[in-house]
């Protein structure tokens, strides 16, 4: 068992600590794990003197235990992640355990005054990003709006008690992947992560401003999100069949028609029919330009009957016409 003890009081000190523990000869932004402990890296950035961005992207090669010590300041910790989790509160400390399973993702809001013990099991895939808001940053806003302060406190309480009530929205999931698993074709620099960290932080504040409205993330649980993704997978595997309709899809998801439609759109940023049609077009693009299949074969395979409608939809999405005479 490899053990580390730290706090989030000073990000420069935190960076120095993990650099000395994991990568003492490193010089770049990334703190790489030695092979006997893990494969991957940690990264720590200052969005501002009062806002920190932390990135974890590694696979554990041994059991690891992190002890985050409590601090006096009421800093807020936002933890976005995409791996399986089981946690409980014991003696005012959050006891967390992570496995090697990949989940759909969720967000947890924590108070830095509470400590945490985290166990990463050998083989676990850890992909997460954390944003730390210093109390000196939030105090000004909370003084102006007690309602906002109360809502954040509610987030923290629900986050500790009902982890399945949180999930990553479509926008949060995209930003998360760009931060934790960046496109290798893009230039990876300080501004790349800072810009996406700020946008991810904005999504949290928008949720805070929603309060306890009908669109509150507290009203959506992980089982519903899992059912939505099962329906998404079904649609992607049946692109050669006609769209079966919202009623059948909502039944498949064990949800009401309205609830299914609204949550699907929240997660995928498009309606089920738009999702289905876009996946068909993406598949047709790959078949035409990568597999070099004849257009007529592609249309038959994906159940396109009207060539003019197909060409128009293809152009609207990809800004290029397929050669219908191919």
Protein backbone atom coordinates (compact mmCIF):
# COMPACT_ATOMS: atom_id res chain seq x y z
CA UNK A 1 0.00 0.00 0.00
CA UNK A 2 1.44 3.37 -1.08
CA UNK A 3 0.24 6.20 1.20
CA UNK A 4 0.17 9.99 0.76
CA UNK A 5 -1.03 12.72 3.15
CA UNK A 6 -1.71 16.31 2.03
CA UNK A 7 -4.22 19.19 1.95
CA UNK A 8 -5.41 21.79 -0.57
CA UNK A 9 -4.31 24.85 1.39
CA UNK A 10 -1.50 25.82 -1.02
CA UNK A 11 -1.34 24.39 -4.53
CA UNK A 12 2.34 25.25 -4.92
CA UNK A 13 3.14 23.26 -1.81
CA UNK A 14 0.89 20.43 -3.04
CA UNK A 15 2.72 20.35 -6.37
CA UNK A 16 6.11 20.27 -4.62
CA UNK A 17 4.94 17.45 -2.35
CA UNK A 18 3.79 15.12 -5.13
CA UNK A 19 6.77 16.04 -7.30
CA UNK A 20 9.10 14.91 -4.50
CA UNK A 21 7.08 11.74 -3.94
CA UNK A 22 6.55 10.66 -7.56
CA UNK A 23 8.74 12.52 -10.05
CA UNK A 24 11.63 14.39 -8.35
CA UNK A 25 13.56 14.76 -11.61
CA UNK A 26 10.58 16.02 -13.63
CA UNK A 27 10.46 19.57 -14.94
CA UNK A 28 7.20 19.87 -16.92
CA UNK A 29 3.62 20.55 -15.82
CA UNK A 30 2.87 16.84 -15.50
CA UNK A 31 3.97 14.85 -12.47
CA UNK A 32 4.52 11.33 -13.83
CA UNK A 33 4.08 8.21 -11.72
CA UNK A 34 7.05 5.84 -11.36
CA UNK A 35 6.22 2.48 -13.00
CA UNK A 36 5.97 0.58 -9.72
CA UNK A 37 3.17 2.91 -8.50
CA UNK A 38 1.21 3.78 -11.60
CA UNK A 39 1.11 4.67 -15.28
CA UNK A 40 0.03 8.24 -16.03
CA UNK A 41 0.27 11.63 -14.41
CA UNK A 42 -1.04 14.36 -12.11
CA UNK A 43 -1.20 18.04 -13.11
CA UNK A 44 -1.83 21.11 -10.96
CA UNK A 45 -2.64 24.59 -12.33
CA UNK A 46 -3.64 27.97 -10.93
CA UNK A 47 -6.62 29.40 -12.76
CA UNK A 48 -6.14 32.38 -10.44
CA UNK A 49 -4.50 32.84 -7.03
CA UNK A 50 -7.82 31.71 -5.52
CA UNK A 51 -8.95 29.00 -7.99
CA UNK A 52 -6.98 25.78 -8.57
CA UNK A 53 -7.35 23.07 -11.24
CA UNK A 54 -6.13 19.51 -10.49
CA UNK A 55 -6.03 16.70 -13.08
CA UNK A 56 -5.65 12.96 -12.43
CA UNK A 57 -5.12 10.57 -15.33
CA UNK A 58 -3.47 7.24 -14.47
CA UNK A 59 -3.82 3.52 -13.85
CA UNK A 60 -2.71 2.30 -10.42
CA UNK A 61 -0.05 -0.45 -10.38
CA UNK A 62 -0.42 -0.90 -6.62
CA UNK A 63 -2.94 -0.07 -3.91
CA UNK A 64 -2.78 3.65 -3.09
CA UNK A 65 -4.29 5.51 -0.15
CA UNK A 66 -4.66 9.29 -0.18
CA UNK A 67 -5.45 11.16 3.04
CA UNK A 68 -6.64 14.69 2.41
CA UNK A 69 -6.34 16.55 5.70
CA UNK A 70 -9.01 19.08 6.71
CA UNK A 71 -8.16 22.79 6.78
CA UNK A 72 -9.73 25.70 8.67
CA UNK A 73 -10.83 27.61 5.58
CA UNK A 74 -14.22 26.76 4.10
CA UNK A 75 -12.86 26.15 0.62
CA UNK A 76 -15.11 24.41 -1.92
CA UNK A 77 -13.84 21.36 -3.80
CA UNK A 78 -15.60 20.32 -7.02
CA UNK A 79 -14.66 16.79 -8.05
CA UNK A 80 -15.61 15.60 -11.54
CA UNK A 81 -14.80 11.95 -12.29
CA UNK A 82 -15.51 8.96 -14.51
CA UNK A 83 -14.78 5.84 -12.51
CA UNK A 84 -16.70 3.61 -10.12
CA UNK A 85 -16.99 4.79 -6.56
CA UNK A 86 -18.25 3.70 -3.18
CA UNK A 87 -18.07 6.13 -0.29
CA UNK A 88 -19.46 6.78 3.17
CA UNK A 89 -18.90 9.25 6.00
CA UNK A 90 -17.21 8.00 9.15
CA UNK A 91 -16.35 10.40 12.00
CA UNK A 92 -16.88 13.41 9.71
CA UNK A 93 -14.40 12.02 7.16
CA UNK A 94 -15.34 10.88 3.69
CA UNK A 95 -14.10 7.33 3.16
CA UNK A 96 -13.90 6.60 -0.60
CA UNK A 97 -12.94 3.49 -2.53
CA UNK A 98 -12.39 3.30 -6.29
CA UNK A 99 -12.42 0.24 -8.52
CA UNK A 100 -11.27 -0.56 -12.06
CA UNK A 101 -14.73 0.00 -13.55
CA UNK A 102 -15.52 2.97 -15.81
CA UNK A 103 -18.72 4.83 -15.03
CA UNK A 104 -20.75 7.46 -16.85
CA UNK A 105 -19.34 10.19 -14.65
CA UNK A 106 -20.54 12.35 -11.80
CA UNK A 107 -19.70 15.48 -9.84
CA UNK A 108 -19.22 15.80 -6.11
CA UNK A 109 -19.13 19.07 -4.15
CA UNK A 110 -17.10 19.03 -0.92
CA UNK A 111 -16.12 21.32 1.92
CA UNK A 112 -12.35 21.40 2.52
CA UNK A 113 -13.02 21.63 6.27
CA UNK A 114 -13.92 17.93 6.07
CA UNK A 115 -11.07 15.50 5.52
CA UNK A 116 -11.16 12.53 3.17
CA UNK A 117 -9.53 9.12 2.88
CA UNK A 118 -9.40 7.68 -0.63
CA UNK A 119 -8.33 4.14 -1.56
CA UNK A 120 -7.32 3.43 -5.15
CA UNK A 121 -7.16 -0.31 -5.75
CA UNK A 122 -4.46 -1.89 -7.93
CA UNK A 123 -5.53 -1.79 -11.58
CA UNK A 124 -8.03 1.04 -11.05
CA UNK A 125 -8.37 3.57 -13.87
CA UNK A 126 -8.43 7.07 -12.35
CA UNK A 127 -9.68 9.90 -14.53
CA UNK A 128 -10.79 12.98 -12.65
CA UNK A 129 -10.46 16.72 -12.43
CA UNK A 130 -10.87 18.83 -9.31
CA UNK A 131 -11.49 22.56 -9.02
CA UNK A 132 -10.71 24.17 -5.66
CA UNK A 133 -12.41 27.49 -4.86
CA UNK A 134 -10.71 29.28 -1.99
CA UNK A 135 -13.02 30.83 0.61
CA UNK A 136 -11.48 34.22 -0.18
CA UNK A 137 -12.91 33.79 -3.70
CA UNK A 138 -16.47 32.75 -2.76
CA UNK A 139 -16.92 34.84 0.41
CA UNK A 140 -17.68 38.03 -1.53
CA UNK A 141 -20.46 36.35 -3.57
CA UNK A 142 -21.98 34.55 -0.61
CA UNK A 143 -22.19 37.79 1.38
CA UNK A 144 -24.22 39.32 -1.45
CA UNK A 145 -26.48 36.26 -1.81
CA UNK A 146 -27.30 34.06 1.14
CA UNK A 147 -29.53 32.00 -1.17
CA UNK A 148 -26.50 31.03 -3.26
CA UNK A 149 -24.54 30.13 -0.13
CA UNK A 150 -27.44 27.97 1.07
CA UNK A 151 -27.68 26.23 -2.32
CA UNK A 152 -23.96 25.40 -2.29
CA UNK A 153 -24.34 24.01 1.22
CA UNK A 154 -27.22 21.88 -0.12
CA UNK A 155 -24.97 20.62 -2.92
CA UNK A 156 -22.34 19.62 -0.39
CA UNK A 157 -24.88 17.86 1.82
CA UNK A 158 -26.48 15.96 -1.06
CA UNK A 159 -23.12 15.18 -2.60
CA UNK A 160 -21.96 13.45 0.56
CA UNK A 161 -25.22 11.59 1.11
CA UNK A 162 -26.58 10.79 -2.36
CA UNK A 163 -23.77 10.34 -4.84
CA UNK A 164 -26.11 8.73 -7.37
CA UNK A 165 -28.00 12.02 -7.70
CA UNK A 166 -25.11 13.61 -9.57
CA UNK A 167 -24.07 13.02 -13.16
CA UNK A 168 -22.08 14.81 -15.83
CA UNK A 169 -24.22 16.71 -18.32
CA UNK A 170 -23.35 16.62 -22.02
CA UNK A 171 -21.32 19.83 -21.81
CA UNK A 172 -19.56 18.77 -18.60
CA UNK A 173 -18.69 15.38 -20.08
CA UNK A 174 -17.16 16.99 -23.20
CA UNK A 175 -15.13 19.48 -21.15
CA UNK A 176 -14.06 16.70 -18.76
CA UNK A 177 -12.71 14.57 -21.62
CA UNK A 178 -10.90 17.57 -23.14
CA UNK A 179 -9.20 18.28 -19.82
CA UNK A 180 -8.40 14.75 -18.64
CA UNK A 181 -7.82 13.05 -21.99
CA UNK A 182 -6.85 15.88 -24.36
CA UNK A 183 -6.78 15.60 -28.14
CA UNK A 184 -3.15 14.78 -28.95
CA UNK A 185 -3.47 16.81 -32.16
CA UNK A 186 -3.97 20.00 -30.14
CA UNK A 187 -1.19 22.03 -28.52
CA UNK A 188 -1.21 21.16 -24.83
CA UNK A 189 -0.35 24.28 -22.91
CA UNK A 190 -1.31 26.21 -19.84
CA UNK A 191 -4.14 28.15 -21.51
CA UNK A 192 -5.70 24.97 -22.97
CA UNK A 193 -6.46 23.56 -19.52
CA UNK A 194 -7.23 26.88 -17.87
CA UNK A 195 -9.83 27.78 -20.51
CA UNK A 196 -11.62 24.45 -20.20
CA UNK A 197 -11.36 24.51 -16.41
CA UNK A 198 -13.11 27.89 -16.37
CA UNK A 199 -15.87 26.60 -18.64
CA UNK A 200 -16.32 23.53 -16.43
CA UNK A 201 -16.57 25.82 -13.40
CA UNK A 202 -19.25 27.86 -15.21
CA UNK A 203 -21.41 24.76 -15.60
CA UNK A 204 -21.35 24.28 -11.82
CA UNK A 205 -22.42 27.86 -11.13
CA UNK A 206 -25.28 27.51 -13.62
CA UNK A 207 -26.45 24.46 -11.66
CA UNK A 208 -26.22 26.47 -8.45
CA UNK A 209 -28.35 29.22 -9.95
CA UNK A 210 -30.98 26.64 -10.96
CA UNK A 211 -31.44 25.91 -7.27
CA UNK A 212 -34.17 23.38 -6.59
CA UNK A 213 -35.91 23.86 -9.95
CA UNK A 214 -37.28 21.00 -12.05
CA UNK A 215 -33.97 20.84 -13.91
CA UNK A 216 -31.94 20.37 -10.74
CA UNK A 217 -29.37 17.54 -11.03
CA UNK A 218 -30.68 16.20 -7.70
CA UNK A 219 -33.77 15.01 -9.57
CA UNK A 220 -31.83 12.66 -11.88
CA UNK A 221 -30.25 9.49 -10.54
CA UNK A 222 -27.54 7.25 -11.92
CA UNK A 223 -29.98 4.46 -12.82
CA UNK A 224 -31.89 6.82 -15.13
CA UNK A 225 -28.65 8.01 -16.72
CA UNK A 226 -27.54 4.40 -17.21
CA UNK A 227 -30.86 3.59 -18.90
CA UNK A 228 -30.44 6.55 -21.24
CA UNK A 229 -27.01 5.29 -22.30
CA UNK A 230 -28.38 1.79 -22.86
CA UNK A 231 -30.96 3.28 -25.23
CA UNK A 232 -28.18 5.30 -26.92
CA UNK A 233 -26.19 2.11 -27.46
CA UNK A 234 -29.28 0.39 -28.86
CA UNK A 235 -29.78 3.21 -31.39
CA UNK A 236 -26.11 3.08 -32.46
CA UNK A 237 -26.34 -0.69 -33.00
CA UNK A 238 -29.53 -0.47 -35.07
CA UNK A 239 -28.77 2.30 -37.56
CA UNK A 240 -29.93 0.05 -40.41
CA UNK A 241 -33.44 -0.09 -38.95
CA UNK A 242 -36.15 2.63 -38.98
CA UNK A 243 -36.32 4.87 -35.90
CA UNK A 244 -38.67 3.06 -33.50
CA UNK A 245 -40.12 6.15 -31.83
CA UNK A 246 -40.03 7.84 -28.42
CA UNK A 247 -42.73 5.65 -26.86
CA UNK A 248 -40.83 2.41 -27.42
CA UNK A 249 -37.51 3.96 -26.40
CA UNK A 250 -38.94 5.37 -23.16
CA UNK A 251 -40.43 1.95 -22.36
CA UNK A 252 -37.02 0.42 -22.99
CA UNK A 253 -35.56 2.94 -20.50
CA UNK A 254 -38.32 2.23 -17.92
CA UNK A 255 -39.19 5.94 -17.85
CA UNK A 256 -42.13 8.13 -18.72
CA UNK A 257 -42.14 9.57 -22.23
CA UNK A 258 -41.57 13.17 -21.07
CA UNK A 259 -38.92 12.31 -18.50
CA UNK A 260 -37.04 10.14 -20.99
CA UNK A 261 -37.10 12.82 -23.69
CA UNK A 262 -35.93 15.60 -21.36
CA UNK A 263 -33.10 13.63 -19.74
CA UNK A 264 -31.93 12.23 -23.10
CA UNK A 265 -31.66 15.77 -24.46
CA UNK A 266 -29.88 16.98 -21.31
CA UNK A 267 -27.26 14.22 -21.56
CA UNK A 268 -26.72 14.13 -25.34
CA UNK A 269 -27.58 17.75 -26.21
CA UNK A 270 -29.97 16.50 -28.91
CA UNK A 271 -33.29 14.69 -29.17
CA UNK A 272 -33.36 10.90 -29.63
CA UNK A 273 -34.30 11.31 -33.32
CA UNK A 274 -31.51 13.87 -33.88
CA UNK A 275 -29.07 11.53 -32.14
CA UNK A 276 -30.17 8.60 -34.34
CA UNK A 277 -29.97 10.59 -37.59
CA UNK A 278 -26.56 12.07 -36.72
CA UNK A 279 -25.14 8.63 -35.92
CA UNK A 280 -26.47 7.35 -39.26
CA UNK A 281 -24.77 10.20 -41.10
CA UNK A 282 -21.50 9.67 -39.22
CA UNK A 283 -21.64 5.99 -40.12
CA UNK A 284 -22.34 6.79 -43.77
CA UNK A 285 -19.36 9.17 -43.84
CA UNK A 286 -17.03 6.44 -42.56
CA UNK A 287 -18.41 3.91 -45.02
CA UNK A 288 -18.01 6.29 -47.97
CA UNK A 289 -14.69 7.97 -47.25
CA UNK A 290 -12.85 5.43 -45.09
CA UNK A 291 -14.19 2.07 -46.25
CA UNK A 292 -14.66 3.35 -49.83
CA UNK A 293 -18.02 1.61 -50.24
CA UNK A 294 -20.36 2.52 -53.11
CA UNK A 295 -23.01 5.13 -52.24
CA UNK A 296 -25.88 2.83 -53.18
CA UNK A 297 -24.55 0.11 -50.88
CA UNK A 298 -24.26 2.63 -48.04
CA UNK A 299 -27.81 3.85 -48.57
CA UNK A 300 -29.16 0.29 -48.65
CA UNK A 301 -27.20 -0.70 -45.54
CA UNK A 302 -28.42 2.30 -43.53
CA UNK A 303 -31.97 2.20 -44.88
CA UNK A 304 -31.87 5.49 -46.82
CA UNK A 305 -34.56 5.44 -49.51
CA UNK A 306 -34.47 9.03 -50.80
CA UNK A 307 -31.16 9.99 -52.39
CA UNK A 308 -31.89 13.74 -52.54
CA UNK A 309 -32.80 13.92 -48.83
CA UNK A 310 -29.70 11.88 -47.99
CA UNK A 311 -27.44 14.21 -50.01
CA UNK A 312 -28.97 17.30 -48.39
CA UNK A 313 -28.62 15.94 -44.85
CA UNK A 314 -25.06 14.80 -45.58
CA UNK A 315 -24.09 18.25 -46.88
CA UNK A 316 -25.71 20.05 -43.92
CA UNK A 317 -23.62 17.98 -41.50
CA UNK A 318 -20.28 17.65 -43.31
CA UNK A 319 -20.34 20.57 -45.79
CA UNK A 320 -19.65 18.19 -48.66
CA UNK A 321 -21.85 16.22 -51.04
CA UNK A 322 -21.35 12.44 -51.43
CA UNK A 323 -20.91 11.36 -55.04
CA UNK A 324 -24.28 9.73 -55.63
CA UNK A 325 -23.05 8.21 -58.93
CA UNK A 326 -20.14 6.41 -57.30
